[in-house]
């Protein structure tokens, strides 16, 4: 199963009334025909399921899409010598349909839950 590249951009909020194309995530993952995460294929492809966090004014961060034993999905960034404070848990990630126009909530580094819009799946 080929991996899809999904781009998420910050959705409208109080700070960014128009949203922001300069803040978001681009990640690779296997998807089912209806656009949900394919957990079975993820197991075989996990090392290829990468993520890039881009945030205007900050350096890009690269990591992996991870599924924990606690049944949570998160973006994991490897920061040698640091704890997992930089991981970004994703609310109900396995229930989302990754199709253009849908929304995803992610708890970011600062502990804030932010909403992102799926802008492309390719």
C-alpha atoms as a PDB file:
ATOM      1  CA  UNK A   1       0.000   0.000   0.000  1.00  0.00           C
ATOM      2  CA  UNK A   2       1.486   3.362  -0.962  1.00  0.00           C
ATOM      3  CA  UNK A   3       1.938   6.037   1.653  1.00  0.00           C
ATOM      4  CA  UNK A   4      -0.016   9.259   1.354  1.00  0.00           C
ATOM      5  CA  UNK A   5       1.399  12.680   2.158  1.00  0.00           C
ATOM      6  CA  UNK A   6      -1.094  14.677   4.205  1.00  0.00           C
ATOM      7  CA  UNK A   7      -0.699  18.422   4.772  1.00  0.00           C
ATOM      8  CA  UNK A   8      -2.384  20.072   7.751  1.00  0.00           C
ATOM      9  CA  UNK A   9      -2.476  23.852   8.163  1.00  0.00           C
ATOM     10  CA  UNK A  10      -3.557  25.857  11.175  1.00  0.00           C
ATOM     11  CA  UNK A  11      -7.302  26.483  11.046  1.00  0.00           C
ATOM     12  CA  UNK A  12      -9.003  29.745  11.952  1.00  0.00           C
ATOM     13  CA  UNK A  13      -8.711  30.736  15.595  1.00  0.00           C
ATOM     14  CA  UNK A  14      -8.653  33.900  17.727  1.00  0.00           C
ATOM     15  CA  UNK A  15      -4.980  34.557  17.014  1.00  0.00           C
ATOM     16  CA  UNK A  16      -5.218  33.744  13.293  1.00  0.00           C
ATOM     17  CA  UNK A  17      -8.737  34.626  12.058  1.00  0.00           C
ATOM     18  CA  UNK A  18      -7.871  33.425   8.541  1.00  0.00           C
ATOM     19  CA  UNK A  19      -5.843  30.430   9.698  1.00  0.00           C
ATOM     20  CA  UNK A  20      -2.193  30.115   8.656  1.00  0.00           C
ATOM     21  CA  UNK A  21      -0.592  28.268   5.765  1.00  0.00           C
ATOM     22  CA  UNK A  22       2.792  28.924   7.432  1.00  0.00           C
ATOM     23  CA  UNK A  23       1.945  26.797  10.494  1.00  0.00           C
ATOM     24  CA  UNK A  24       1.177  23.116  10.393  1.00  0.00           C
ATOM     25  CA  UNK A  25       2.277  19.576   9.716  1.00  0.00           C
ATOM     26  CA  UNK A  26       3.064  17.428   6.716  1.00  0.00           C
ATOM     27  CA  UNK A  27       3.153  13.708   7.373  1.00  0.00           C
ATOM     28  CA  UNK A  28       3.196  10.384   5.543  1.00  0.00           C
ATOM     29  CA  UNK A  29       0.870   7.526   6.453  1.00  0.00           C
ATOM     30  CA  UNK A  30      -1.033   4.631   4.888  1.00  0.00           C
ATOM     31  CA  UNK A  31      -4.748   5.377   4.513  1.00  0.00           C
ATOM     32  CA  UNK A  32      -7.732   3.154   3.866  1.00  0.00           C
ATOM     33  CA  UNK A  33     -10.028   3.779   0.893  1.00  0.00           C
ATOM     34  CA  UNK A  34     -12.211   6.086   3.015  1.00  0.00           C
ATOM     35  CA  UNK A  35      -9.221   8.150   4.189  1.00  0.00           C
ATOM     36  CA  UNK A  36      -8.730   6.801   7.717  1.00  0.00           C
ATOM     37  CA  UNK A  37      -5.381   5.661   9.080  1.00  0.00           C
ATOM     38  CA  UNK A  38      -4.579   2.090   8.145  1.00  0.00           C
ATOM     39  CA  UNK A  39      -3.139   0.771  11.426  1.00  0.00           C
ATOM     40  CA  UNK A  40      -2.291  -2.672  10.029  1.00  0.00           C
ATOM     41  CA  UNK A  41      -0.201  -1.273   7.183  1.00  0.00           C
ATOM     42  CA  UNK A  42       1.316   1.348   9.493  1.00  0.00           C
ATOM     43  CA  UNK A  43       2.922  -1.502  11.480  1.00  0.00           C
ATOM     44  CA  UNK A  44       4.858  -2.613   8.400  1.00  0.00           C
ATOM     45  CA  UNK A  45       5.710   0.924   7.260  1.00  0.00           C
ATOM     46  CA  UNK A  46       6.202   2.763  10.570  1.00  0.00           C
ATOM     47  CA  UNK A  47       9.796   3.814   9.852  1.00  0.00           C
ATOM     48  CA  UNK A  48       8.573   5.536   6.663  1.00  0.00           C
ATOM     49  CA  UNK A  49       5.698   7.358   8.421  1.00  0.00           C
ATOM     50  CA  UNK A  50       7.486  10.641   8.922  1.00  0.00           C
ATOM     51  CA  UNK A  51       6.262  14.064  10.004  1.00  0.00           C
ATOM     52  CA  UNK A  52       7.538  17.586   9.511  1.00  0.00           C
ATOM     53  CA  UNK A  53       6.226  20.336  11.771  1.00  0.00           C
ATOM     54  CA  UNK A  54       6.555  23.792  10.246  1.00  0.00           C
ATOM     55  CA  UNK A  55       5.839  26.940  12.231  1.00  0.00           C
ATOM     56  CA  UNK A  56       6.627  30.406  10.976  1.00  0.00           C
ATOM     57  CA  UNK A  57       9.560  31.861  12.913  1.00  0.00           C
ATOM     58  CA  UNK A  58      10.686  28.496  14.309  1.00  0.00           C
ATOM     59  CA  UNK A  59      12.956  25.822  12.841  1.00  0.00           C
ATOM     60  CA  UNK A  60      11.171  22.867  11.232  1.00  0.00           C
ATOM     61  CA  UNK A  61      11.005  19.707  13.330  1.00  0.00           C
ATOM     62  CA  UNK A  62      11.149  16.206  11.878  1.00  0.00           C
ATOM     63  CA  UNK A  63       9.899  13.036  13.496  1.00  0.00           C
ATOM     64  CA  UNK A  64       7.695   9.988  13.171  1.00  0.00           C
ATOM     65  CA  UNK A  65       4.008   9.135  13.379  1.00  0.00           C
ATOM     66  CA  UNK A  66       3.823   6.803  16.398  1.00  0.00           C
ATOM     67  CA  UNK A  67       1.087   4.604  17.853  1.00  0.00           C
ATOM     68  CA  UNK A  68       1.602   3.956  21.568  1.00  0.00           C
ATOM     69  CA  UNK A  69       0.624   0.973  23.668  1.00  0.00           C
ATOM     70  CA  UNK A  70      -1.955   3.232  25.283  1.00  0.00           C
ATOM     71  CA  UNK A  71      -3.694   3.336  21.886  1.00  0.00           C
ATOM     72  CA  UNK A  72      -2.745   6.967  21.251  1.00  0.00           C
ATOM     73  CA  UNK A  73      -1.373   8.401  18.044  1.00  0.00           C
ATOM     74  CA  UNK A  74       1.234  11.139  18.267  1.00  0.00           C
ATOM     75  CA  UNK A  75       3.933  12.909  16.334  1.00  0.00           C
ATOM     76  CA  UNK A  76       7.222  12.024  18.040  1.00  0.00           C
ATOM     77  CA  UNK A  77      10.302  14.198  17.662  1.00  0.00           C
ATOM     78  CA  UNK A  78      13.682  12.870  18.745  1.00  0.00           C
ATOM     79  CA  UNK A  79      15.454  15.480  20.822  1.00  0.00           C
ATOM     80  CA  UNK A  80      18.511  13.726  22.312  1.00  0.00           C
ATOM     81  CA  UNK A  81      18.788  14.285  26.054  1.00  0.00           C
ATOM     82  CA  UNK A  82      15.234  15.602  26.375  1.00  0.00           C
ATOM     83  CA  UNK A  83      12.028  13.970  27.539  1.00  0.00           C
ATOM     84  CA  UNK A  84       8.894  13.606  25.427  1.00  0.00           C
ATOM     85  CA  UNK A  85       7.702  17.190  25.993  1.00  0.00           C
ATOM     86  CA  UNK A  86       8.026  17.792  22.275  1.00  0.00           C
ATOM     87  CA  UNK A  87       5.638  15.001  21.295  1.00  0.00           C
ATOM     88  CA  UNK A  88       2.321  16.160  19.864  1.00  0.00           C
ATOM     89  CA  UNK A  89      -0.625  13.881  20.805  1.00  0.00           C
ATOM     90  CA  UNK A  90      -3.463  13.810  18.280  1.00  0.00           C
ATOM     91  CA  UNK A  91      -7.064  13.655  19.477  1.00  0.00           C
ATOM     92  CA  UNK A  92      -8.964  10.678  18.005  1.00  0.00           C
ATOM     93  CA  UNK A  93      -6.511  10.470  15.115  1.00  0.00           C
ATOM     94  CA  UNK A  94      -7.678   6.978  14.160  1.00  0.00           C
ATOM     95  CA  UNK A  95     -11.254   8.247  13.687  1.00  0.00           C
ATOM     96  CA  UNK A  96     -10.424  11.096  11.330  1.00  0.00           C
ATOM     97  CA  UNK A  97     -10.978  10.974   7.603  1.00  0.00           C
ATOM     98  CA  UNK A  98      -7.994  12.541   5.907  1.00  0.00           C
ATOM     99  CA  UNK A  99      -9.716  14.219   3.017  1.00  0.00           C
ATOM    100  CA  UNK A 100      -9.382  17.850   2.005  1.00  0.00           C
ATOM    101  CA  UNK A 101     -11.460  20.195   4.132  1.00  0.00           C
ATOM    102  CA  UNK A 102     -11.659  17.974   7.238  1.00  0.00           C
ATOM    103  CA  UNK A 103     -10.288  19.129  10.621  1.00  0.00           C
ATOM    104  CA  UNK A 104      -7.883  17.543  13.128  1.00  0.00           C
ATOM    105  CA  UNK A 105      -7.056  18.624  16.701  1.00  0.00           C
ATOM    106  CA  UNK A 106      -3.476  18.334  17.948  1.00  0.00           C
ATOM    107  CA  UNK A 107      -2.090  19.132  21.399  1.00  0.00           C
ATOM    108  CA  UNK A 108       1.098  21.045  20.670  1.00  0.00           C
ATOM    109  CA  UNK A 109       4.403  21.494  22.516  1.00  0.00           C
ATOM    110  CA  UNK A 110       2.991  24.309  24.639  1.00  0.00           C
ATOM    111  CA  UNK A 111       0.078  22.144  25.803  1.00  0.00           C
ATOM    112  CA  UNK A 112      -2.469  24.053  23.693  1.00  0.00           C
ATOM    113  CA  UNK A 113      -5.019  22.086  21.692  1.00  0.00           C
ATOM    114  CA  UNK A 114      -5.129  23.589  18.186  1.00  0.00           C
ATOM    115  CA  UNK A 115      -7.249  22.714  15.196  1.00  0.00           C
ATOM    116  CA  UNK A 116      -5.752  22.093  11.764  1.00  0.00           C
ATOM    117  CA  UNK A 117      -7.413  21.710   8.389  1.00  0.00           C
ATOM    118  CA  UNK A 118      -6.485  18.986   5.896  1.00  0.00           C
ATOM    119  CA  UNK A 119      -5.432  20.970   2.823  1.00  0.00           C
ATOM    120  CA  UNK A 120      -4.015  18.160   0.682  1.00  0.00           C
ATOM    121  CA  UNK A 121      -3.692  14.393   0.452  1.00  0.00           C
ATOM    122  CA  UNK A 122      -1.421  13.106  -2.271  1.00  0.00           C
END
